[in-house]
Amino acid sequence: MSANPGNKLQALSPTPPERGSFPLDHFGECTKEMQDYLKCIKITKGENAHNCRLLAKNYLKCRMNNDLMDTDDWKHLGLPSDENSPNAPNNEKVGKRFGN
């Protein structure tokens, strides 16, 4: 008896990840931003507070700048645009941490 139903060998074809899936931050490049955001969510008890949205934006900007996710418009991510760049995320490397 074989493990394949019908004794057919079929190659598995991988599918691309769903929107919102992105590589793990193995080197911890955006750990500080993630922790800040999670603290905010905990403090606000899960509310969609303005300051938490700013921290989420900072975290996503860090991921984009470190090639951990594709660059996308803030409006597609449900966040307000930058004042200095209304159409796209800021492309300069994140050097300043939010709140420091």
N, C-alpha and C. Protein backbone atom coordinates (compact mmCIF):
# COMPACT_ATOMS: atom_id res chain seq x y z
N MET A 1 0.84 -1.17 0.00
CA MET A 1 0.00 0.00 0.00
C MET A 1 0.89 1.24 0.00
N SER A 2 0.52 2.25 -0.75
CA SER A 2 1.34 3.46 -0.82
C SER A 2 0.68 4.60 -0.06
N ALA A 3 1.47 5.62 0.17
CA ALA A 3 0.96 6.79 0.90
C ALA A 3 0.21 7.75 -0.02
N ASN A 4 0.37 7.58 -1.34
CA ASN A 4 -0.32 8.46 -2.28
C ASN A 4 -1.66 7.87 -2.67
N PRO A 5 -2.74 8.64 -2.53
CA PRO A 5 -4.02 8.13 -2.99
C PRO A 5 -4.02 8.00 -4.51
N GLY A 6 -4.34 6.86 -5.00
CA GLY A 6 -4.40 6.64 -6.45
C GLY A 6 -3.03 6.38 -7.06
N ASN A 7 -2.00 6.25 -6.23
CA ASN A 7 -0.64 5.99 -6.70
C ASN A 7 -0.16 7.00 -7.73
N LYS A 8 -0.60 8.23 -7.66
CA LYS A 8 -0.14 9.28 -8.57
C LYS A 8 0.90 10.13 -7.86
N LEU A 9 1.97 10.40 -8.56
CA LEU A 9 2.97 11.32 -8.03
C LEU A 9 2.67 12.70 -8.59
N GLN A 10 2.41 13.63 -7.72
CA GLN A 10 2.12 14.99 -8.14
C GLN A 10 3.08 15.94 -7.44
N ALA A 11 3.60 16.84 -8.20
CA ALA A 11 4.48 17.85 -7.61
C ALA A 11 3.64 18.89 -6.89
N LEU A 12 4.09 19.26 -5.71
CA LEU A 12 3.40 20.32 -4.98
C LEU A 12 3.82 21.66 -5.56
N SER A 13 2.86 22.47 -5.88
CA SER A 13 3.19 23.80 -6.40
C SER A 13 2.95 24.83 -5.30
N PRO A 14 4.04 25.47 -4.84
CA PRO A 14 3.87 26.46 -3.78
C PRO A 14 3.12 27.67 -4.29
N THR A 15 2.38 28.28 -3.40
CA THR A 15 1.64 29.49 -3.74
C THR A 15 2.28 30.68 -3.03
N PRO A 16 2.21 31.86 -3.63
CA PRO A 16 2.79 33.03 -2.96
C PRO A 16 2.02 33.36 -1.69
N PRO A 17 2.66 34.02 -0.74
CA PRO A 17 1.97 34.36 0.51
C PRO A 17 0.83 35.34 0.28
N GLU A 18 -0.14 35.28 1.16
CA GLU A 18 -1.26 36.21 1.12
C GLU A 18 -0.74 37.61 1.41
N ARG A 19 -1.51 38.61 0.98
CA ARG A 19 -1.14 39.99 1.30
C ARG A 19 -1.10 40.12 2.82
N GLY A 20 -0.08 40.75 3.30
CA GLY A 20 0.09 40.88 4.75
C GLY A 20 1.09 39.91 5.31
N SER A 21 1.50 38.91 4.54
CA SER A 21 2.54 37.99 4.97
C SER A 21 3.89 38.54 4.54
N PHE A 22 4.84 38.50 5.42
CA PHE A 22 6.16 39.00 5.08
C PHE A 22 7.19 38.27 5.91
N PRO A 23 8.47 38.34 5.51
CA PRO A 23 9.51 37.60 6.22
C PRO A 23 9.64 38.00 7.68
N LEU A 24 10.07 37.05 8.49
CA LEU A 24 10.32 37.33 9.89
C LEU A 24 11.55 38.21 10.02
N ASP A 25 11.61 38.96 11.07
CA ASP A 25 12.72 39.85 11.35
C ASP A 25 13.78 39.08 12.13
N HIS A 26 14.50 38.21 11.43
CA HIS A 26 15.47 37.32 12.09
C HIS A 26 16.60 38.08 12.79
N PHE A 27 16.99 39.24 12.29
CA PHE A 27 18.10 39.99 12.86
C PHE A 27 17.64 41.06 13.85
N GLY A 28 16.35 41.14 14.12
CA GLY A 28 15.83 42.08 15.10
C GLY A 28 15.98 43.53 14.70
N GLU A 29 15.95 43.81 13.41
CA GLU A 29 16.14 45.17 12.92
C GLU A 29 15.02 46.11 13.35
N CYS A 30 13.83 45.58 13.56
CA CYS A 30 12.67 46.42 13.89
C CYS A 30 12.04 46.00 15.22
N THR A 31 12.81 45.34 16.07
CA THR A 31 12.28 44.85 17.35
C THR A 31 11.83 45.99 18.25
N LYS A 32 12.62 47.06 18.32
CA LYS A 32 12.26 48.20 19.18
C LYS A 32 10.93 48.80 18.76
N GLU A 33 10.74 49.00 17.46
CA GLU A 33 9.49 49.56 16.95
C GLU A 33 8.31 48.64 17.24
N MET A 34 8.53 47.34 17.09
CA MET A 34 7.47 46.37 17.37
C MET A 34 7.09 46.40 18.85
N GLN A 35 8.08 46.43 19.73
CA GLN A 35 7.81 46.44 21.16
C GLN A 35 7.07 47.71 21.58
N ASP A 36 7.48 48.85 21.00
CA ASP A 36 6.78 50.11 21.30
C ASP A 36 5.31 50.02 20.90
N TYR A 37 5.05 49.48 19.73
CA TYR A 37 3.67 49.34 19.25
C TYR A 37 2.87 48.40 20.16
N LEU A 38 3.44 47.27 20.50
CA LEU A 38 2.73 46.31 21.36
C LEU A 38 2.45 46.88 22.74
N LYS A 39 3.38 47.67 23.29
CA LYS A 39 3.15 48.33 24.58
C LYS A 39 1.97 49.29 24.48
N CYS A 40 1.92 50.02 23.38
CA CYS A 40 0.82 50.99 23.18
C CYS A 40 -0.52 50.26 23.11
N ILE A 41 -0.57 49.18 22.36
CA ILE A 41 -1.81 48.40 22.24
C ILE A 41 -2.24 47.87 23.61
N LYS A 42 -1.26 47.43 24.40
CA LYS A 42 -1.58 46.91 25.74
C LYS A 42 -2.12 48.02 26.63
N ILE A 43 -1.48 49.19 26.58
CA ILE A 43 -1.91 50.33 27.42
C ILE A 43 -3.31 50.79 27.05
N THR A 44 -3.61 50.83 25.75
CA THR A 44 -4.92 51.30 25.30
C THR A 44 -5.95 50.19 25.25
N LYS A 45 -5.58 49.01 25.73
CA LYS A 45 -6.47 47.84 25.78
C LYS A 45 -7.06 47.51 24.41
N GLY A 46 -6.20 47.58 23.38
CA GLY A 46 -6.61 47.18 22.04
C GLY A 46 -7.33 48.24 21.24
N GLU A 47 -7.49 49.45 21.79
CA GLU A 47 -8.15 50.51 21.04
C GLU A 47 -7.27 51.00 19.91
N ASN A 48 -7.88 51.46 18.84
CA ASN A 48 -7.16 51.97 17.69
C ASN A 48 -6.82 53.44 17.92
N ALA A 49 -5.95 53.69 18.90
CA ALA A 49 -5.61 55.06 19.29
C ALA A 49 -4.65 55.67 18.27
N HIS A 50 -4.71 57.00 18.16
CA HIS A 50 -3.87 57.72 17.20
C HIS A 50 -2.38 57.46 17.45
N ASN A 51 -1.97 57.53 18.72
CA ASN A 51 -0.54 57.31 19.00
C ASN A 51 -0.11 55.89 18.65
N CYS A 52 -0.99 54.91 18.79
CA CYS A 52 -0.65 53.54 18.40
C CYS A 52 -0.55 53.42 16.88
N ARG A 53 -1.38 54.14 16.15
CA ARG A 53 -1.28 54.13 14.68
C ARG A 53 0.04 54.72 14.22
N LEU A 54 0.51 55.76 14.92
CA LEU A 54 1.81 56.34 14.59
C LEU A 54 2.94 55.33 14.84
N LEU A 55 2.82 54.58 15.92
CA LEU A 55 3.83 53.56 16.21
C LEU A 55 3.76 52.42 15.20
N ALA A 56 2.56 52.05 14.78
CA ALA A 56 2.41 51.02 13.75
C ALA A 56 3.04 51.48 12.45
N LYS A 57 2.84 52.75 12.13
CA LYS A 57 3.41 53.32 10.91
C LYS A 57 4.94 53.31 10.99
N ASN A 58 5.48 53.66 12.15
CA ASN A 58 6.92 53.65 12.35
C ASN A 58 7.48 52.23 12.19
N TYR A 59 6.76 51.25 12.71
CA TYR A 59 7.18 49.85 12.60
C TYR A 59 7.16 49.40 11.14
N LEU A 60 6.09 49.71 10.43
CA LEU A 60 6.00 49.31 9.02
C LEU A 60 7.05 50.03 8.18
N LYS A 61 7.33 51.28 8.51
CA LYS A 61 8.37 52.03 7.79
C LYS A 61 9.73 51.36 7.99
N CYS A 62 9.99 50.93 9.21
CA CYS A 62 11.24 50.21 9.49
C CYS A 62 11.32 48.93 8.66
N ARG A 63 10.22 48.19 8.60
CA ARG A 63 10.21 46.94 7.81
C ARG A 63 10.44 47.22 6.34
N MET A 64 9.83 48.29 5.82
CA MET A 64 10.02 48.64 4.41
C MET A 64 11.47 49.04 4.15
N ASN A 65 12.04 49.84 5.04
CA ASN A 65 13.40 50.33 4.87
C ASN A 65 14.44 49.21 4.98
N ASN A 66 14.10 48.13 5.67
CA ASN A 66 15.02 47.01 5.84
C ASN A 66 14.67 45.83 4.94
N ASP A 67 13.85 46.07 3.91
CA ASP A 67 13.46 45.05 2.94
C ASP A 67 12.81 43.83 3.58
N LEU A 68 12.05 44.06 4.64
CA LEU A 68 11.29 42.98 5.27
C LEU A 68 9.86 42.94 4.76
N MET A 69 9.49 43.92 3.96
CA MET A 69 8.21 43.93 3.29
C MET A 69 8.31 44.89 2.11
N ASP A 70 7.43 44.73 1.15
CA ASP A 70 7.41 45.61 0.00
C ASP A 70 6.96 47.00 0.40
N THR A 71 7.52 48.00 -0.26
CA THR A 71 7.09 49.38 -0.04
C THR A 71 5.69 49.54 -0.62
N ASP A 72 4.83 50.17 0.13
CA ASP A 72 3.45 50.36 -0.29
C ASP A 72 2.98 51.72 0.18
N ASP A 73 1.94 52.23 -0.46
CA ASP A 73 1.36 53.50 -0.04
C ASP A 73 0.70 53.33 1.32
N TRP A 74 0.80 54.38 2.14
CA TRP A 74 0.19 54.32 3.46
C TRP A 74 -1.32 54.11 3.37
N LYS A 75 -1.94 54.70 2.35
CA LYS A 75 -3.40 54.55 2.23
C LYS A 75 -3.79 53.09 2.02
N HIS A 76 -2.93 52.30 1.38
CA HIS A 76 -3.21 50.88 1.19
C HIS A 76 -3.04 50.09 2.48
N LEU A 77 -2.28 50.66 3.41
CA LEU A 77 -2.05 50.02 4.69
C LEU A 77 -2.98 50.55 5.78
N GLY A 78 -3.86 51.47 5.39
CA GLY A 78 -4.83 52.02 6.33
C GLY A 78 -4.25 53.04 7.27
N LEU A 79 -3.16 53.70 6.86
CA LEU A 79 -2.51 54.70 7.69
C LEU A 79 -2.44 56.03 6.96
N PRO A 80 -2.40 57.17 7.69
CA PRO A 80 -2.34 58.47 7.03
C PRO A 80 -0.99 58.67 6.35
N SER A 81 -0.98 59.47 5.29
CA SER A 81 0.24 59.76 4.55
C SER A 81 1.18 60.63 5.36
N ASP A 82 2.48 60.56 5.02
CA ASP A 82 3.45 61.46 5.62
C ASP A 82 3.15 62.87 5.14
N GLU A 83 3.40 63.85 5.98
CA GLU A 83 3.17 65.24 5.59
C GLU A 83 4.09 65.67 4.46
N ASN A 84 5.35 65.19 4.48
CA ASN A 84 6.31 65.62 3.48
C ASN A 84 6.27 64.76 2.21
N SER A 85 5.60 63.63 2.25
CA SER A 85 5.53 62.74 1.09
C SER A 85 4.17 62.07 1.05
N PRO A 86 3.18 62.73 0.44
CA PRO A 86 1.81 62.22 0.52
C PRO A 86 1.56 60.92 -0.23
N ASN A 87 2.41 60.54 -1.19
CA ASN A 87 2.10 59.38 -2.01
C ASN A 87 2.85 58.11 -1.64
N ALA A 88 3.92 58.19 -0.90
CA ALA A 88 4.71 57.00 -0.63
C ALA A 88 5.37 57.10 0.74
N PRO A 89 5.74 55.95 1.31
CA PRO A 89 6.46 55.96 2.58
C PRO A 89 7.81 56.62 2.42
N ASN A 90 8.34 57.12 3.52
CA ASN A 90 9.65 57.75 3.52
C ASN A 90 10.69 56.69 3.23
N ASN A 91 11.56 56.91 2.25
CA ASN A 91 12.52 55.90 1.83
C ASN A 91 13.87 56.02 2.51
N GLU A 92 14.06 57.03 3.38
CA GLU A 92 15.34 57.11 4.05
C GLU A 92 15.40 56.06 5.14
N LYS A 93 16.59 55.60 5.45
CA LYS A 93 16.75 54.56 6.47
C LYS A 93 16.28 55.09 7.82
N VAL A 94 15.68 54.22 8.59
CA VAL A 94 15.20 54.61 9.91
C VAL A 94 16.39 54.68 10.83
N GLY A 95 16.70 55.86 11.32
CA GLY A 95 17.80 56.03 12.25
C GLY A 95 17.30 56.56 13.56
N LYS A 96 16.22 57.31 13.52
CA LYS A 96 15.64 57.88 14.72
C LYS A 96 14.50 57.00 15.17
N ARG A 97 14.48 56.68 16.41
CA ARG A 97 13.42 55.86 16.98
C ARG A 97 12.30 56.77 17.46
N PHE A 98 11.06 56.33 17.32
CA PHE A 98 9.91 57.11 17.76
C PHE A 98 9.96 57.22 19.28
N GLY A 99 9.83 58.43 19.77
CA GLY A 99 9.78 58.64 21.21
C GLY A 99 11.15 58.82 21.85
N ASN A 100 12.23 58.75 21.10
CA ASN A 100 13.57 58.92 21.67
C ASN A 100 14.06 60.32 21.44
